[in-house]
N, C-alpha and C. Protein backbone atom coordinates (compact mmCIF):
# COMPACT_ATOMS: atom_id res chain seq x y z
N MET A 1 -9.93 35.40 10.40
CA MET A 1 -10.09 34.11 11.00
C MET A 1 -9.17 34.04 12.23
N ALA A 2 -9.67 33.52 13.29
CA ALA A 2 -8.87 33.41 14.51
C ALA A 2 -8.88 31.97 14.99
N ILE A 3 -7.78 31.58 15.60
CA ILE A 3 -7.67 30.24 16.15
C ILE A 3 -7.32 30.37 17.62
N LYS A 4 -8.12 29.75 18.48
CA LYS A 4 -7.82 29.76 19.90
C LYS A 4 -7.09 28.46 20.22
N LEU A 5 -5.90 28.61 20.75
CA LEU A 5 -5.08 27.45 21.09
C LEU A 5 -5.06 27.28 22.61
N GLU A 6 -4.96 26.03 23.03
CA GLU A 6 -4.77 25.76 24.46
C GLU A 6 -3.42 26.31 24.86
N PRO A 7 -3.29 26.76 26.08
CA PRO A 7 -2.03 27.38 26.51
C PRO A 7 -0.79 26.51 26.29
N ASP A 8 -0.91 25.21 26.54
CA ASP A 8 0.27 24.35 26.35
C ASP A 8 0.67 24.25 24.87
N ILE A 9 -0.30 24.20 23.98
CA ILE A 9 0.00 24.15 22.54
C ILE A 9 0.60 25.48 22.10
N LYS A 10 0.03 26.56 22.59
CA LYS A 10 0.54 27.89 22.25
C LYS A 10 2.01 28.02 22.65
N GLU A 11 2.35 27.53 23.83
CA GLU A 11 3.73 27.59 24.30
C GLU A 11 4.64 26.70 23.46
N ARG A 12 4.16 25.54 23.07
CA ARG A 12 4.95 24.64 22.24
C ARG A 12 5.22 25.27 20.88
N VAL A 13 4.22 25.93 20.32
CA VAL A 13 4.39 26.61 19.03
C VAL A 13 5.45 27.70 19.17
N LYS A 14 5.38 28.46 20.25
CA LYS A 14 6.37 29.52 20.47
C LYS A 14 7.78 28.94 20.55
N ARG A 15 7.95 27.85 21.31
CA ARG A 15 9.28 27.23 21.45
C ARG A 15 9.79 26.70 20.11
N LEU A 16 8.92 26.06 19.37
CA LEU A 16 9.32 25.52 18.07
C LEU A 16 9.66 26.64 17.09
N ALA A 17 8.88 27.70 17.12
CA ALA A 17 9.15 28.84 16.24
C ALA A 17 10.52 29.44 16.56
N LEU A 18 10.83 29.56 17.83
CA LEU A 18 12.14 30.07 18.24
C LEU A 18 13.25 29.16 17.72
N ALA A 19 13.07 27.85 17.89
CA ALA A 19 14.08 26.89 17.45
C ALA A 19 14.27 26.93 15.94
N ARG A 20 13.20 27.20 15.22
CA ARG A 20 13.27 27.22 13.75
C ARG A 20 13.59 28.62 13.20
N LYS A 21 13.73 29.57 14.12
CA LYS A 21 14.00 30.97 13.72
C LYS A 21 12.90 31.49 12.78
N ARG A 22 11.69 31.20 13.16
CA ARG A 22 10.50 31.66 12.44
C ARG A 22 9.53 32.25 13.46
N SER A 23 8.55 32.96 12.97
CA SER A 23 7.53 33.48 13.88
C SER A 23 6.49 32.40 14.13
N PRO A 24 5.82 32.46 15.29
CA PRO A 24 4.72 31.52 15.52
C PRO A 24 3.66 31.61 14.41
N HIS A 25 3.41 32.83 13.92
CA HIS A 25 2.44 33.03 12.84
C HIS A 25 2.85 32.26 11.59
N TRP A 26 4.12 32.35 11.21
CA TRP A 26 4.61 31.64 10.03
C TRP A 26 4.45 30.14 10.23
N LEU A 27 4.81 29.65 11.42
CA LEU A 27 4.74 28.23 11.72
C LEU A 27 3.30 27.71 11.60
N MET A 28 2.36 28.48 12.13
CA MET A 28 0.96 28.05 12.07
C MET A 28 0.43 28.10 10.64
N ARG A 29 0.79 29.15 9.89
CA ARG A 29 0.36 29.22 8.49
C ARG A 29 0.92 28.06 7.70
N GLU A 30 2.20 27.74 7.91
CA GLU A 30 2.83 26.63 7.20
C GLU A 30 2.17 25.31 7.56
N GLY A 31 1.90 25.12 8.84
CA GLY A 31 1.23 23.89 9.28
C GLY A 31 -0.15 23.74 8.66
N ILE A 32 -0.90 24.81 8.61
CA ILE A 32 -2.23 24.77 8.01
C ILE A 32 -2.13 24.52 6.51
N ARG A 33 -1.17 25.19 5.84
CA ARG A 33 -0.98 24.98 4.40
C ARG A 33 -0.68 23.52 4.09
N GLN A 34 0.24 22.93 4.87
CA GLN A 34 0.60 21.53 4.63
C GLN A 34 -0.58 20.60 4.90
N TYR A 35 -1.34 20.88 5.95
CA TYR A 35 -2.51 20.07 6.28
C TYR A 35 -3.54 20.12 5.15
N VAL A 36 -3.82 21.34 4.68
CA VAL A 36 -4.83 21.49 3.62
C VAL A 36 -4.37 20.77 2.35
N GLU A 37 -3.11 20.91 1.97
CA GLU A 37 -2.61 20.22 0.77
C GLU A 37 -2.73 18.71 0.92
N ARG A 38 -2.33 18.20 2.09
CA ARG A 38 -2.40 16.75 2.33
C ARG A 38 -3.84 16.26 2.28
N GLU A 39 -4.76 16.99 2.90
CA GLU A 39 -6.15 16.57 2.93
C GLU A 39 -6.82 16.70 1.56
N GLU A 40 -6.41 17.69 0.77
CA GLU A 40 -6.93 17.80 -0.60
C GLU A 40 -6.50 16.59 -1.42
N LYS A 41 -5.25 16.17 -1.27
CA LYS A 41 -4.76 14.98 -1.99
C LYS A 41 -5.51 13.74 -1.52
N ARG A 42 -5.72 13.64 -0.22
CA ARG A 42 -6.46 12.48 0.33
C ARG A 42 -7.88 12.45 -0.22
N GLU A 43 -8.52 13.61 -0.29
CA GLU A 43 -9.89 13.67 -0.81
C GLU A 43 -9.91 13.32 -2.30
N ALA A 44 -8.94 13.81 -3.06
CA ALA A 44 -8.87 13.47 -4.49
C ALA A 44 -8.69 11.97 -4.67
N LEU A 45 -7.85 11.35 -3.85
CA LEU A 45 -7.66 9.90 -3.92
C LEU A 45 -8.95 9.16 -3.59
N ARG A 46 -9.65 9.65 -2.57
CA ARG A 46 -10.92 9.03 -2.19
C ARG A 46 -11.93 9.14 -3.33
N GLN A 47 -11.99 10.30 -3.97
CA GLN A 47 -12.91 10.48 -5.09
C GLN A 47 -12.53 9.59 -6.27
N ASP A 48 -11.22 9.48 -6.55
CA ASP A 48 -10.75 8.60 -7.63
C ASP A 48 -11.12 7.14 -7.34
N ALA A 49 -10.94 6.73 -6.09
CA ALA A 49 -11.27 5.36 -5.71
C ALA A 49 -12.77 5.10 -5.85
N PHE A 50 -13.57 6.06 -5.43
CA PHE A 50 -15.02 5.92 -5.55
C PHE A 50 -15.43 5.82 -7.02
N LYS A 51 -14.82 6.66 -7.87
CA LYS A 51 -15.14 6.61 -9.30
C LYS A 51 -14.71 5.27 -9.90
N ALA A 52 -13.51 4.79 -9.52
CA ALA A 52 -13.03 3.51 -10.04
C ALA A 52 -13.97 2.38 -9.61
N TRP A 53 -14.42 2.41 -8.36
CA TRP A 53 -15.33 1.38 -7.87
C TRP A 53 -16.66 1.45 -8.62
N SER A 54 -17.16 2.64 -8.85
CA SER A 54 -18.42 2.81 -9.60
C SER A 54 -18.26 2.31 -11.03
N ASP A 55 -17.14 2.64 -11.67
CA ASP A 55 -16.87 2.17 -13.03
C ASP A 55 -16.80 0.65 -13.07
N TYR A 56 -16.12 0.06 -12.09
CA TYR A 56 -16.02 -1.40 -12.04
C TYR A 56 -17.40 -2.03 -11.88
N GLN A 57 -18.20 -1.46 -10.98
CA GLN A 57 -19.54 -2.02 -10.77
C GLN A 57 -20.39 -1.92 -12.03
N ALA A 58 -20.20 -0.86 -12.79
CA ALA A 58 -20.99 -0.66 -14.01
C ALA A 58 -20.52 -1.53 -15.16
N THR A 59 -19.21 -1.74 -15.27
CA THR A 59 -18.66 -2.42 -16.46
C THR A 59 -18.07 -3.79 -16.18
N GLY A 60 -17.59 -4.01 -14.98
CA GLY A 60 -16.91 -5.27 -14.66
C GLY A 60 -15.48 -5.31 -15.15
N LEU A 61 -15.01 -4.23 -15.80
CA LEU A 61 -13.64 -4.20 -16.34
C LEU A 61 -12.63 -4.08 -15.19
N HIS A 62 -11.56 -4.86 -15.29
CA HIS A 62 -10.55 -4.86 -14.24
C HIS A 62 -9.25 -5.47 -14.76
N VAL A 63 -8.20 -5.37 -13.96
CA VAL A 63 -6.98 -6.16 -14.15
C VAL A 63 -6.78 -6.94 -12.87
N THR A 64 -6.14 -8.09 -12.98
CA THR A 64 -5.91 -8.89 -11.79
C THR A 64 -4.73 -8.33 -11.01
N GLN A 65 -4.61 -8.78 -9.78
CA GLN A 65 -3.48 -8.34 -8.97
C GLN A 65 -2.17 -8.78 -9.60
N ASP A 66 -2.13 -10.01 -10.13
CA ASP A 66 -0.90 -10.49 -10.78
C ASP A 66 -0.53 -9.63 -11.99
N GLU A 67 -1.54 -9.25 -12.79
CA GLU A 67 -1.28 -8.39 -13.95
C GLU A 67 -0.74 -7.02 -13.51
N ALA A 68 -1.34 -6.47 -12.48
CA ALA A 68 -0.90 -5.16 -11.98
C ALA A 68 0.52 -5.25 -11.42
N GLU A 69 0.79 -6.29 -10.63
CA GLU A 69 2.13 -6.44 -10.04
C GLU A 69 3.19 -6.66 -11.11
N ASP A 70 2.86 -7.42 -12.14
CA ASP A 70 3.80 -7.66 -13.24
C ASP A 70 4.12 -6.35 -13.95
N TRP A 71 3.11 -5.54 -14.22
CA TRP A 71 3.30 -4.25 -14.87
C TRP A 71 4.13 -3.32 -14.00
N LEU A 72 3.81 -3.26 -12.70
CA LEU A 72 4.56 -2.38 -11.79
C LEU A 72 6.02 -2.82 -11.67
N ALA A 73 6.27 -4.12 -11.69
CA ALA A 73 7.66 -4.62 -11.62
C ALA A 73 8.44 -4.17 -12.86
N LYS A 74 7.80 -4.19 -14.01
CA LYS A 74 8.46 -3.74 -15.24
C LYS A 74 8.77 -2.24 -15.16
N LEU A 75 7.82 -1.45 -14.65
CA LEU A 75 8.06 -0.01 -14.49
C LEU A 75 9.22 0.23 -13.52
N GLU A 76 9.22 -0.52 -12.44
CA GLU A 76 10.28 -0.37 -11.44
C GLU A 76 11.64 -0.72 -12.02
N ALA A 77 11.66 -1.66 -12.94
CA ALA A 77 12.90 -2.07 -13.58
C ALA A 77 13.35 -1.07 -14.65
N GLY A 78 12.55 -0.01 -14.86
CA GLY A 78 12.94 1.02 -15.81
C GLY A 78 12.38 0.84 -17.21
N LYS A 79 11.53 -0.15 -17.40
CA LYS A 79 10.94 -0.37 -18.72
C LYS A 79 9.74 0.56 -18.91
N ASP A 80 9.62 1.14 -20.09
CA ASP A 80 8.49 2.00 -20.42
C ASP A 80 7.37 1.11 -20.92
N GLU A 81 6.56 0.64 -20.01
CA GLU A 81 5.56 -0.38 -20.31
C GLU A 81 4.15 0.21 -20.22
N GLU A 82 3.31 -0.11 -21.18
CA GLU A 82 1.92 0.30 -21.14
C GLU A 82 1.19 -0.52 -20.07
N PRO A 83 0.19 0.06 -19.42
CA PRO A 83 -0.57 -0.71 -18.43
C PRO A 83 -1.32 -1.86 -19.10
N PRO A 84 -1.60 -2.90 -18.34
CA PRO A 84 -2.34 -4.04 -18.92
C PRO A 84 -3.75 -3.63 -19.32
N GLU A 85 -4.29 -4.31 -20.30
CA GLU A 85 -5.65 -4.05 -20.78
C GLU A 85 -6.66 -4.54 -19.73
N CYS A 86 -7.67 -3.74 -19.52
CA CYS A 86 -8.75 -4.17 -18.63
C CYS A 86 -9.61 -5.22 -19.34
N HIS A 87 -10.14 -6.12 -18.56
CA HIS A 87 -11.00 -7.16 -19.12
C HIS A 87 -12.07 -7.51 -18.10
N VAL A 88 -13.05 -8.28 -18.55
CA VAL A 88 -14.16 -8.69 -17.65
C VAL A 88 -13.77 -9.93 -16.91
């Protein structure tokens, strides 16, 4: 696989690699690795949201914003609290 970079970007990568005491190759591989990991997480979140929306449309089960905020506040306070029950 090859990547063609614009000359200005190529030069910036070289300068950054020098500053980080890494090779331009390492820097580009690391950048691509981080991008792919971030985008995989974003896609998983999007799929989870789509599934949750589909489940809600099919069942009507939900928790209110107040119920969710109350539960999250308890978790933040260090309490081991079960999530609120879903209801119609």
